[in-house]
Amino acid sequence: MSTPDTADELTRTPPTLDDYLHLRTTSGLSPKSPAQGAGALTGSWCWSVVRRDGRAVAMGRVIGDGGWYFHVADMATLPEDQGRGLGRRVLADLIAQIEAAAPEGAYVTLLADEPGRRLYESAGFVETAPESLGMRLAPSARGHTRPPPLVVGEKHATTPGAAMSNHTIVIPTPDLAAATAFSRVAWGAEPHTPRRPTTSASTSTARRSASTRTASGTR
């Protein structure tokens, strides 16, 4: 392995948009649009970028909540600079930033493409299978997984447990807590237990009960 160039500078600021897009495509990652790249530059938790003469030659970033979940992404090095240890420097610096700022017990993940697997294993990453498998939303499924719209109105268009379709669900106005609970039941988030009609004297008790069920099912 060649040693890094003495002119290489490890920084923790994002690359320029042009450098980001160029590094992704030339290193073998999928190309992204300028709009996608702009979101990556501003929406990441931290960056580690190797620069030479002001130009990014290797990079990586972390997406995370700052508390317990962190995902390493966009590990990329220019082809002519691969095999010189730049990716290892970037990965080590990203992990160091997580360890310095995150509370104990941080969960750090990444998707290991074939070229980088030996590097990730040497840094301490292990496969999660068979306990868990990485999954992504297929493009063909997008737009078909949203719950039906919930509209507060004056009548029922359907009832809990009924077959769902693409029409609007209308819930009586007075009981908003029950409407929220129904939305979760209709979309499959909770099993439906039929409720007996309540009298006006027990309306407040029914509202508190529905609110309690909804809150306990939304951790």
Protein backbone atom coordinates (compact mmCIF):
# COMPACT_ATOMS: atom_id res chain seq x y z
CA MET A 1 0.00 0.00 0.00
CA SER A 2 1.36 3.42 -0.93
CA THR A 3 1.70 6.04 1.77
CA PRO A 4 -0.53 9.13 1.70
CA ASP A 5 0.83 12.22 0.02
CA THR A 6 2.24 14.72 2.50
CA ALA A 7 0.07 17.35 0.82
CA ASP A 8 -3.08 15.44 1.76
CA GLU A 9 -5.12 17.24 4.42
CA LEU A 10 -7.82 15.51 6.48
CA THR A 11 -10.67 17.93 7.13
CA ARG A 12 -14.14 17.75 8.68
CA THR A 13 -15.99 20.08 6.36
CA PRO A 14 -18.18 18.92 3.45
CA PRO A 15 -16.70 18.84 -0.07
CA THR A 16 -17.99 21.20 -2.70
CA LEU A 17 -21.04 20.02 -4.60
CA ASP A 18 -18.95 19.43 -7.73
CA ASP A 19 -16.37 17.40 -5.80
CA TYR A 20 -19.09 15.37 -4.10
CA LEU A 21 -20.83 14.44 -7.34
CA HIS A 22 -17.51 13.75 -9.08
CA LEU A 23 -16.20 11.53 -6.26
CA ARG A 24 -19.35 9.43 -6.24
CA THR A 25 -19.42 8.75 -9.96
CA THR A 26 -15.68 8.20 -10.49
CA SER A 27 -15.35 5.88 -7.47
CA GLY A 28 -18.12 3.59 -8.72
CA LEU A 29 -21.03 4.79 -6.59
CA SER A 30 -24.34 5.60 -8.26
CA PRO A 31 -24.55 9.11 -9.75
CA LYS A 32 -26.71 11.68 -7.99
CA SER A 33 -28.36 14.88 -9.14
CA PRO A 34 -27.27 18.31 -7.89
CA ALA A 35 -30.45 18.51 -5.80
CA GLN A 36 -29.66 15.18 -4.15
CA GLY A 37 -26.07 16.21 -3.58
CA ALA A 38 -27.07 19.50 -2.00
CA GLY A 39 -29.20 17.64 0.52
CA ALA A 40 -26.32 15.34 1.41
CA LEU A 41 -23.98 18.28 2.01
CA THR A 42 -26.32 20.06 4.41
CA GLY A 43 -28.12 17.13 6.02
CA SER A 44 -25.25 15.01 7.32
CA TRP A 45 -24.25 14.63 10.95
CA CYS A 46 -20.52 14.84 10.22
CA TRP A 47 -17.96 14.64 7.39
CA SER A 48 -14.40 13.51 6.89
CA VAL A 49 -12.75 14.65 3.66
CA VAL A 50 -9.18 14.30 2.40
CA ARG A 51 -8.18 17.31 0.32
CA ARG A 52 -5.16 17.89 -1.87
CA ASP A 53 -4.54 21.39 -3.16
CA GLY A 54 -8.07 22.29 -2.11
CA ARG A 55 -9.68 19.44 -4.06
CA ALA A 56 -11.47 16.50 -2.40
CA VAL A 57 -9.82 13.17 -3.24
CA ALA A 58 -11.53 10.98 -0.62
CA MET A 59 -14.58 11.39 1.55
CA GLY A 60 -17.10 9.83 3.89
CA ARG A 61 -19.96 11.08 5.99
CA VAL A 62 -22.27 10.02 8.80
CA ILE A 63 -26.03 10.33 8.87
CA GLY A 64 -27.47 10.15 12.36
CA ASP A 65 -29.58 11.51 15.18
CA GLY A 66 -26.66 12.45 17.42
CA GLY A 67 -27.93 10.17 20.16
CA TRP A 68 -27.68 6.48 19.35
CA TYR A 69 -28.06 5.80 15.63
CA PHE A 70 -25.32 6.56 13.08
CA HIS A 71 -24.96 5.40 9.48
CA VAL A 72 -21.69 5.70 7.55
CA ALA A 73 -22.28 6.64 3.90
CA ASP A 74 -20.57 7.94 0.77
CA MET A 75 -17.21 6.31 1.40
CA ALA A 76 -15.43 7.21 -1.84
CA THR A 77 -11.87 7.73 -3.11
CA LEU A 78 -10.72 8.84 -6.54
CA PRO A 79 -9.58 5.80 -8.57
CA GLU A 80 -6.03 7.10 -8.96
CA ASP A 81 -5.76 7.49 -5.17
CA GLN A 82 -7.22 4.14 -4.13
CA GLY A 83 -4.93 1.75 -2.28
CA ARG A 84 -3.10 4.57 -0.48
CA GLY A 85 -4.92 4.32 2.84
CA LEU A 86 -7.12 7.37 2.35
CA GLY A 87 -10.35 5.46 2.90
CA ARG A 88 -8.96 4.02 6.12
CA ARG A 89 -8.08 7.51 7.35
CA VAL A 90 -11.56 8.77 6.52
CA LEU A 91 -13.32 5.86 8.23
CA ALA A 92 -11.16 6.09 11.35
CA ASP A 93 -11.89 9.80 11.62
CA LEU A 94 -15.64 9.30 11.23
CA ILE A 95 -15.64 6.69 14.00
CA ALA A 96 -13.56 9.00 16.18
CA GLN A 97 -16.12 11.78 15.75
CA ILE A 98 -18.92 9.44 16.77
CA GLU A 99 -17.03 8.17 19.81
CA ALA A 100 -16.19 11.71 20.90
CA ALA A 101 -19.75 13.06 20.72
CA ALA A 102 -22.23 10.20 21.09
CA PRO A 103 -23.48 8.80 24.39
CA GLU A 104 -22.38 5.28 25.29
CA GLY A 105 -24.12 2.55 23.32
CA ALA A 106 -24.11 4.14 19.86
CA TYR A 107 -25.28 1.88 17.03
CA VAL A 108 -23.12 2.40 13.94
CA THR A 109 -24.08 0.85 10.59
CA LEU A 110 -23.05 0.91 6.95
CA LEU A 111 -23.77 -0.89 3.69
CA ALA A 112 -20.64 -2.77 2.69
CA ASP A 113 -20.05 -2.91 -1.05
CA GLU A 114 -17.59 -5.58 -2.14
CA PRO A 115 -14.54 -3.29 -2.66
CA GLY A 116 -14.69 -1.95 0.89
CA ARG A 117 -15.60 -5.02 2.91
CA ARG A 118 -12.07 -5.87 4.02
CA LEU A 119 -11.58 -2.29 5.19
CA TYR A 120 -14.81 -2.30 7.19
CA GLU A 121 -14.06 -5.67 8.74
CA SER A 122 -10.60 -4.50 9.77
CA ALA A 123 -12.20 -1.49 11.46
CA GLY A 124 -14.46 -3.72 13.55
CA PHE A 125 -17.66 -3.93 11.50
CA VAL A 126 -19.45 -7.28 11.41
CA GLU A 127 -22.33 -8.66 9.37
CA THR A 128 -25.78 -8.45 10.96
CA ALA A 129 -27.19 -11.49 9.14
CA PRO A 130 -28.94 -13.75 9.91
CA GLU A 131 -30.38 -11.77 12.83
CA SER A 132 -31.24 -8.86 10.53
CA LEU A 133 -30.91 -7.95 6.87
CA GLY A 134 -30.57 -4.54 5.24
CA MET A 135 -33.58 -3.58 3.15
CA ARG A 136 -34.49 -0.67 0.91
CA LEU A 137 -37.73 0.60 -0.55
CA ALA A 138 -37.96 -0.54 -4.17
CA PRO A 139 -38.72 2.24 -6.67
CA SER A 140 -41.77 0.30 -7.88
CA ALA A 141 -43.25 0.40 -4.37
CA ARG A 142 -43.03 4.14 -3.88
CA GLY A 143 -46.35 5.89 -3.72
CA HIS A 144 -48.17 2.69 -2.75
CA THR A 145 -47.28 2.42 0.94
CA ARG A 146 -48.89 5.51 2.42
CA PRO A 147 -51.87 5.10 4.77
CA PRO A 148 -55.25 6.28 3.48
CA PRO A 149 -56.05 9.92 4.23
CA LEU A 150 -57.88 10.59 7.49
CA VAL A 151 -60.54 13.28 7.21
CA VAL A 152 -62.61 14.58 10.10
CA GLY A 153 -66.17 14.98 8.89
CA GLU A 154 -69.78 14.08 9.57
CA LYS A 155 -70.11 10.43 8.55
CA HIS A 156 -68.33 7.09 8.26
CA ALA A 157 -67.09 6.09 4.83
CA THR A 158 -65.99 2.77 6.28
CA THR A 159 -65.57 1.10 9.67
CA PRO A 160 -62.61 -0.43 11.52
CA GLY A 161 -61.75 -3.87 10.18
CA ALA A 162 -63.33 -3.26 6.77
CA ALA A 163 -61.35 -3.88 3.57
CA MET A 164 -59.26 -0.85 2.72
CA SER A 165 -59.29 0.92 -0.63
CA ASN A 166 -58.03 4.21 -2.00
CA HIS A 167 -61.08 6.21 -0.92
CA THR A 168 -61.09 8.78 1.88
CA ILE A 169 -61.95 7.69 5.39
CA VAL A 170 -64.33 10.02 7.22
CA ILE A 171 -64.62 9.98 11.00
CA PRO A 172 -67.26 11.72 13.15
CA THR A 173 -65.99 15.05 14.40
CA PRO A 174 -66.48 14.79 18.20
CA ASP A 175 -64.09 11.92 19.01
CA LEU A 176 -60.66 12.87 17.61
CA ALA A 177 -58.83 10.41 19.89
CA ALA A 178 -60.92 7.56 18.54
CA ALA A 179 -60.28 8.81 15.01
CA THR A 180 -56.54 8.58 15.61
CA ALA A 181 -56.90 5.07 17.04
CA PHE A 182 -59.04 4.05 14.06
CA SER A 183 -56.42 5.31 11.63
CA ARG A 184 -53.83 3.00 13.23
CA VAL A 185 -56.24 0.03 13.23
CA ALA A 186 -57.27 0.58 9.61
CA TRP A 187 -53.65 0.65 8.46
CA GLY A 188 -52.76 -2.49 10.42
CA ALA A 189 -50.77 -0.88 13.22
CA GLU A 190 -53.04 -2.32 15.89
CA PRO A 191 -55.49 -5.26 16.07
CA HIS A 192 -59.08 -4.10 16.11
CA THR A 193 -61.24 -4.84 19.11
CA PRO A 194 -64.89 -3.87 18.55
CA ARG A 195 -66.20 -1.35 21.07
CA ARG A 196 -69.72 -1.10 22.34
CA PRO A 197 -71.49 2.24 21.70
CA THR A 198 -71.06 4.57 24.65
CA THR A 199 -73.63 6.88 26.13
CA SER A 200 -73.09 10.59 26.39
CA ALA A 201 -72.28 10.19 30.09
CA SER A 202 -69.28 7.96 29.30
CA THR A 203 -67.93 9.90 26.32
CA SER A 204 -65.02 11.44 28.24
CA THR A 205 -64.02 8.00 29.59
CA ALA A 206 -64.04 6.57 26.04
CA ARG A 207 -61.86 9.45 24.85
CA ARG A 208 -59.31 8.87 27.60
CA SER A 209 -59.27 5.13 26.82
CA ALA A 210 -58.71 5.70 23.10
CA SER A 211 -55.95 8.21 23.81
CA THR A 212 -54.21 5.77 26.13
CA ARG A 213 -54.29 2.98 23.53
CA THR A 214 -52.96 5.28 20.84
CA ALA A 215 -50.08 6.57 22.99
CA SER A 216 -49.04 3.09 24.08
CA GLY A 217 -48.79 1.90 20.49
CA THR A 218 -46.59 4.68 19.15
CA ARG A 219 -43.20 4.11 20.72
